[in-house]
Amino acid sequence: MSTSPVQAPARPAPAFRSERAADRLMRRLLGVTGISRTSGTGAHRAFRISVVTSGVRCLITYLVVPVLVPVLSLAGWVAAPIGIALCVVAVVNGVVAVRRFWMSDHRSRWMYTAFMGVVFAILAVAMSTEIHRWVVMT
């Protein structure tokens, strides 16, 4: 009589909080295939970085540049590329944050997604303004 070790049954993969069509569409759009409970901490960090980057861009664009325009005659040449780069960094960090919130199946994922949607809209307007400024300067 052979005694083989008894294996514990495999744990089923954790289920998402919601299987509504909107949730499934958003997970598919963001490429989220499973839940990663460790993504929650990274999601909050990425979200903060995105918002801080957007804030820094606003400070540079609306406070530093207007003050430096009389001092530096090349403010348009410097400000527009910096503003565009900061917009891109903010958008990338925002997408990473939203994706991590969805990967962690965070209970406030829709609230963060909506907030970042507003931030993305503001950044789109800012980026188009910066691009227009850059084109006019060249």
C-alpha atoms as a PDB file:
ATOM      1  CA  MET A   1       0.000   0.000   0.000  1.00  0.00           C
ATOM      2  CA  SER A   2       1.557   3.256  -1.069  1.00  0.00           C
ATOM      3  CA  THR A   3       0.871   6.444   0.696  1.00  0.00           C
ATOM      4  CA  SER A   4       1.099   9.472  -1.453  1.00  0.00           C
ATOM      5  CA  PRO A   5       1.070  12.923   0.065  1.00  0.00           C
ATOM      6  CA  VAL A   6      -2.305  14.546   0.041  1.00  0.00           C
ATOM      7  CA  GLN A   7      -2.286  17.744  -1.924  1.00  0.00           C
ATOM      8  CA  ALA A   8      -4.480  20.582  -0.923  1.00  0.00           C
ATOM      9  CA  PRO A   9      -6.945  21.598  -3.603  1.00  0.00           C
ATOM     10  CA  ALA A  10      -5.790  24.509  -5.702  1.00  0.00           C
ATOM     11  CA  ARG A  11      -7.220  27.832  -4.659  1.00  0.00           C
ATOM     12  CA  PRO A  12      -9.554  29.282  -7.225  1.00  0.00           C
ATOM     13  CA  ALA A  13      -8.458  32.583  -8.686  1.00  0.00           C
ATOM     14  CA  PRO A  14     -10.064  35.480  -6.840  1.00  0.00           C
ATOM     15  CA  ALA A  15     -13.100  36.858  -8.597  1.00  0.00           C
ATOM     16  CA  PHE A  16     -13.430  40.497  -9.552  1.00  0.00           C
ATOM     17  CA  ARG A  17     -15.767  42.677  -7.499  1.00  0.00           C
ATOM     18  CA  SER A  18     -18.035  43.182 -10.471  1.00  0.00           C
ATOM     19  CA  GLU A  19     -18.659  41.461 -13.773  1.00  0.00           C
ATOM     20  CA  ARG A  20     -20.835  44.236 -15.196  1.00  0.00           C
ATOM     21  CA  ALA A  21     -20.293  45.015 -18.864  1.00  0.00           C
ATOM     22  CA  ALA A  22     -18.667  48.376 -18.059  1.00  0.00           C
ATOM     23  CA  ASP A  23     -16.197  46.719 -15.680  1.00  0.00           C
ATOM     24  CA  ARG A  24     -15.326  44.014 -18.190  1.00  0.00           C
ATOM     25  CA  LEU A  25     -14.852  46.629 -20.942  1.00  0.00           C
ATOM     26  CA  MET A  26     -12.564  48.751 -18.767  1.00  0.00           C
ATOM     27  CA  ARG A  27     -10.477  45.706 -17.746  1.00  0.00           C
ATOM     28  CA  ARG A  28     -10.143  44.710 -21.404  1.00  0.00           C
ATOM     29  CA  LEU A  29      -9.216  48.278 -22.404  1.00  0.00           C
ATOM     30  CA  LEU A  30      -6.524  48.432 -19.691  1.00  0.00           C
ATOM     31  CA  GLY A  31      -5.269  44.890 -20.314  1.00  0.00           C
ATOM     32  CA  VAL A  32      -6.178  43.649 -16.830  1.00  0.00           C
ATOM     33  CA  THR A  33      -6.523  39.876 -16.815  1.00  0.00           C
ATOM     34  CA  GLY A  34      -6.348  39.078 -13.121  1.00  0.00           C
ATOM     35  CA  ILE A  35      -6.342  40.575  -9.672  1.00  0.00           C
ATOM     36  CA  SER A  36      -3.037  41.597  -8.131  1.00  0.00           C
ATOM     37  CA  ARG A  37      -3.527  42.606  -4.499  1.00  0.00           C
ATOM     38  CA  THR A  38      -0.008  44.071  -4.426  1.00  0.00           C
ATOM     39  CA  SER A  39      -0.942  46.640  -7.106  1.00  0.00           C
ATOM     40  CA  GLY A  40      -2.907  48.742  -4.613  1.00  0.00           C
ATOM     41  CA  THR A  41       0.138  50.386  -3.061  1.00  0.00           C
ATOM     42  CA  GLY A  42       1.721  51.026  -6.441  1.00  0.00           C
ATOM     43  CA  ALA A  43      -1.569  52.449  -7.691  1.00  0.00           C
ATOM     44  CA  HIS A  44      -1.684  55.081  -4.965  1.00  0.00           C
ATOM     45  CA  ARG A  45       1.973  56.002  -5.582  1.00  0.00           C
ATOM     46  CA  ALA A  46       1.497  56.267  -9.366  1.00  0.00           C
ATOM     47  CA  PHE A  47      -1.663  58.323  -8.834  1.00  0.00           C
ATOM     48  CA  ARG A  48       0.177  60.770  -6.559  1.00  0.00           C
ATOM     49  CA  ILE A  49       3.055  61.070  -9.046  1.00  0.00           C
ATOM     50  CA  SER A  50       0.614  61.793 -11.858  1.00  0.00           C
ATOM     51  CA  VAL A  51      -1.216  64.492  -9.925  1.00  0.00           C
ATOM     52  CA  VAL A  52       2.042  66.058  -8.652  1.00  0.00           C
ATOM     53  CA  THR A  53       3.477  66.080 -12.190  1.00  0.00           C
ATOM     54  CA  SER A  54       0.342  67.776 -13.453  1.00  0.00           C
ATOM     55  CA  GLY A  55       0.601  70.319 -10.632  1.00  0.00           C
ATOM     56  CA  VAL A  56       4.278  70.998 -11.408  1.00  0.00           C
ATOM     57  CA  ARG A  57       3.347  71.520 -15.065  1.00  0.00           C
ATOM     58  CA  CYS A  58       0.701  74.049 -14.025  1.00  0.00           C
ATOM     59  CA  LEU A  59       3.150  75.873 -11.771  1.00  0.00           C
ATOM     60  CA  ILE A  60       5.748  76.064 -14.521  1.00  0.00           C
ATOM     61  CA  THR A  61       3.275  77.034 -17.232  1.00  0.00           C
ATOM     62  CA  TYR A  62       1.196  79.575 -15.313  1.00  0.00           C
ATOM     63  CA  LEU A  63       3.579  80.917 -12.678  1.00  0.00           C
ATOM     64  CA  VAL A  64       7.244  80.444 -13.561  1.00  0.00           C
ATOM     65  CA  VAL A  65       7.007  81.120 -17.312  1.00  0.00           C
ATOM     66  CA  PRO A  66       5.015  84.395 -17.025  1.00  0.00           C
ATOM     67  CA  VAL A  67       7.506  85.655 -14.442  1.00  0.00           C
ATOM     68  CA  LEU A  68      10.515  84.629 -16.532  1.00  0.00           C
ATOM     69  CA  VAL A  69       9.193  85.878 -19.910  1.00  0.00           C
ATOM     70  CA  PRO A  70      10.526  89.416 -19.382  1.00  0.00           C
ATOM     71  CA  VAL A  71      13.838  88.004 -18.132  1.00  0.00           C
ATOM     72  CA  LEU A  72      14.393  85.358 -20.810  1.00  0.00           C
ATOM     73  CA  SER A  73      13.558  86.167 -24.381  1.00  0.00           C
ATOM     74  CA  LEU A  74      13.521  82.473 -25.279  1.00  0.00           C
ATOM     75  CA  ALA A  75      10.801  81.532 -22.802  1.00  0.00           C
ATOM     76  CA  GLY A  76       8.541  80.222 -25.589  1.00  0.00           C
ATOM     77  CA  TRP A  77      11.305  77.986 -26.910  1.00  0.00           C
ATOM     78  CA  VAL A  78      11.919  76.572 -23.438  1.00  0.00           C
ATOM     79  CA  ALA A  79       8.427  76.569 -21.944  1.00  0.00           C
ATOM     80  CA  ALA A  80       6.560  74.742 -24.708  1.00  0.00           C
ATOM     81  CA  PRO A  81       8.800  71.641 -24.861  1.00  0.00           C
ATOM     82  CA  ILE A  82       8.934  71.447 -21.061  1.00  0.00           C
ATOM     83  CA  GLY A  83       5.145  71.775 -20.858  1.00  0.00           C
ATOM     84  CA  ILE A  84       4.646  69.072 -23.499  1.00  0.00           C
ATOM     85  CA  ALA A  85       7.105  66.738 -21.769  1.00  0.00           C
ATOM     86  CA  LEU A  86       5.412  67.248 -18.392  1.00  0.00           C
ATOM     87  CA  CYS A  87       1.991  66.601 -19.977  1.00  0.00           C
ATOM     88  CA  VAL A  88       3.253  63.339 -21.455  1.00  0.00           C
ATOM     89  CA  VAL A  89       4.759  62.254 -18.117  1.00  0.00           C
ATOM     90  CA  ALA A  90       1.507  63.091 -16.310  1.00  0.00           C
ATOM     91  CA  VAL A  91      -0.576  61.128 -18.834  1.00  0.00           C
ATOM     92  CA  VAL A  92       1.705  58.067 -18.680  1.00  0.00           C
ATOM     93  CA  ASN A  93       1.688  58.089 -14.870  1.00  0.00           C
ATOM     94  CA  GLY A  94      -2.081  58.566 -14.890  1.00  0.00           C
ATOM     95  CA  VAL A  95      -2.626  55.566 -17.149  1.00  0.00           C
ATOM     96  CA  VAL A  96      -0.299  53.476 -14.961  1.00  0.00           C
ATOM     97  CA  ALA A  97      -2.203  54.563 -11.851  1.00  0.00           C
ATOM     98  CA  VAL A  98      -5.613  53.794 -13.332  1.00  0.00           C
ATOM     99  CA  ARG A  99      -4.393  50.409 -14.584  1.00  0.00           C
ATOM    100  CA  ARG A 100      -3.011  49.535 -11.152  1.00  0.00           C
ATOM    101  CA  PHE A 101      -6.274  50.518  -9.470  1.00  0.00           C
ATOM    102  CA  TRP A 102      -8.069  48.156 -11.822  1.00  0.00           C
ATOM    103  CA  MET A 103      -5.477  45.401 -11.357  1.00  0.00           C
ATOM    104  CA  SER A 104      -5.932  45.575  -7.591  1.00  0.00           C
ATOM    105  CA  ASP A 105      -9.724  45.576  -8.044  1.00  0.00           C
ATOM    106  CA  HIS A 106      -9.784  48.658  -5.789  1.00  0.00           C
ATOM    107  CA  ARG A 107     -13.208  49.540  -4.462  1.00  0.00           C
ATOM    108  CA  SER A 108     -12.827  53.170  -5.646  1.00  0.00           C
ATOM    109  CA  ARG A 109     -11.534  52.295  -9.120  1.00  0.00           C
ATOM    110  CA  TRP A 110     -14.376  54.087 -10.911  1.00  0.00           C
ATOM    111  CA  MET A 111     -13.903  57.257  -8.841  1.00  0.00           C
ATOM    112  CA  TYR A 112     -10.166  57.315  -9.661  1.00  0.00           C
ATOM    113  CA  THR A 113     -10.901  56.560 -13.309  1.00  0.00           C
ATOM    114  CA  ALA A 114     -13.389  59.450 -13.508  1.00  0.00           C
ATOM    115  CA  PHE A 115     -10.982  61.830 -11.754  1.00  0.00           C
ATOM    116  CA  MET A 116      -8.152  60.880 -14.081  1.00  0.00           C
ATOM    117  CA  GLY A 117     -10.525  61.317 -17.043  1.00  0.00           C
ATOM    118  CA  VAL A 118     -10.981  64.946 -15.971  1.00  0.00           C
ATOM    119  CA  VAL A 119      -7.202  65.314 -15.500  1.00  0.00           C
ATOM    120  CA  PHE A 120      -6.630  63.806 -18.967  1.00  0.00           C
ATOM    121  CA  ALA A 121      -9.090  66.285 -20.500  1.00  0.00           C
ATOM    122  CA  ILE A 122      -7.281  69.197 -18.830  1.00  0.00           C
ATOM    123  CA  LEU A 123      -3.927  67.817 -19.973  1.00  0.00           C
ATOM    124  CA  ALA A 124      -5.236  67.449 -23.543  1.00  0.00           C
ATOM    125  CA  VAL A 125      -6.211  71.123 -23.596  1.00  0.00           C
ATOM    126  CA  ALA A 126      -2.875  72.100 -22.056  1.00  0.00           C
ATOM    127  CA  MET A 127      -0.934  69.975 -24.521  1.00  0.00           C
ATOM    128  CA  SER A 128      -2.768  71.418 -27.520  1.00  0.00           C
ATOM    129  CA  THR A 129      -2.038  74.915 -26.176  1.00  0.00           C
ATOM    130  CA  GLU A 130       1.643  74.066 -25.727  1.00  0.00           C
ATOM    131  CA  ILE A 131       1.875  72.555 -29.222  1.00  0.00           C
ATOM    132  CA  HIS A 132       0.192  75.629 -30.704  1.00  0.00           C
ATOM    133  CA  ARG A 133       2.611  77.887 -28.791  1.00  0.00           C
ATOM    134  CA  TRP A 134       5.560  75.855 -30.067  1.00  0.00           C
ATOM    135  CA  VAL A 135       4.353  75.925 -33.684  1.00  0.00           C
ATOM    136  CA  VAL A 136       3.824  79.688 -33.533  1.00  0.00           C
ATOM    137  CA  MET A 137       7.329  80.190 -32.105  1.00  0.00           C
ATOM    138  CA  THR A 138       9.030  78.174 -34.878  1.00  0.00           C
END
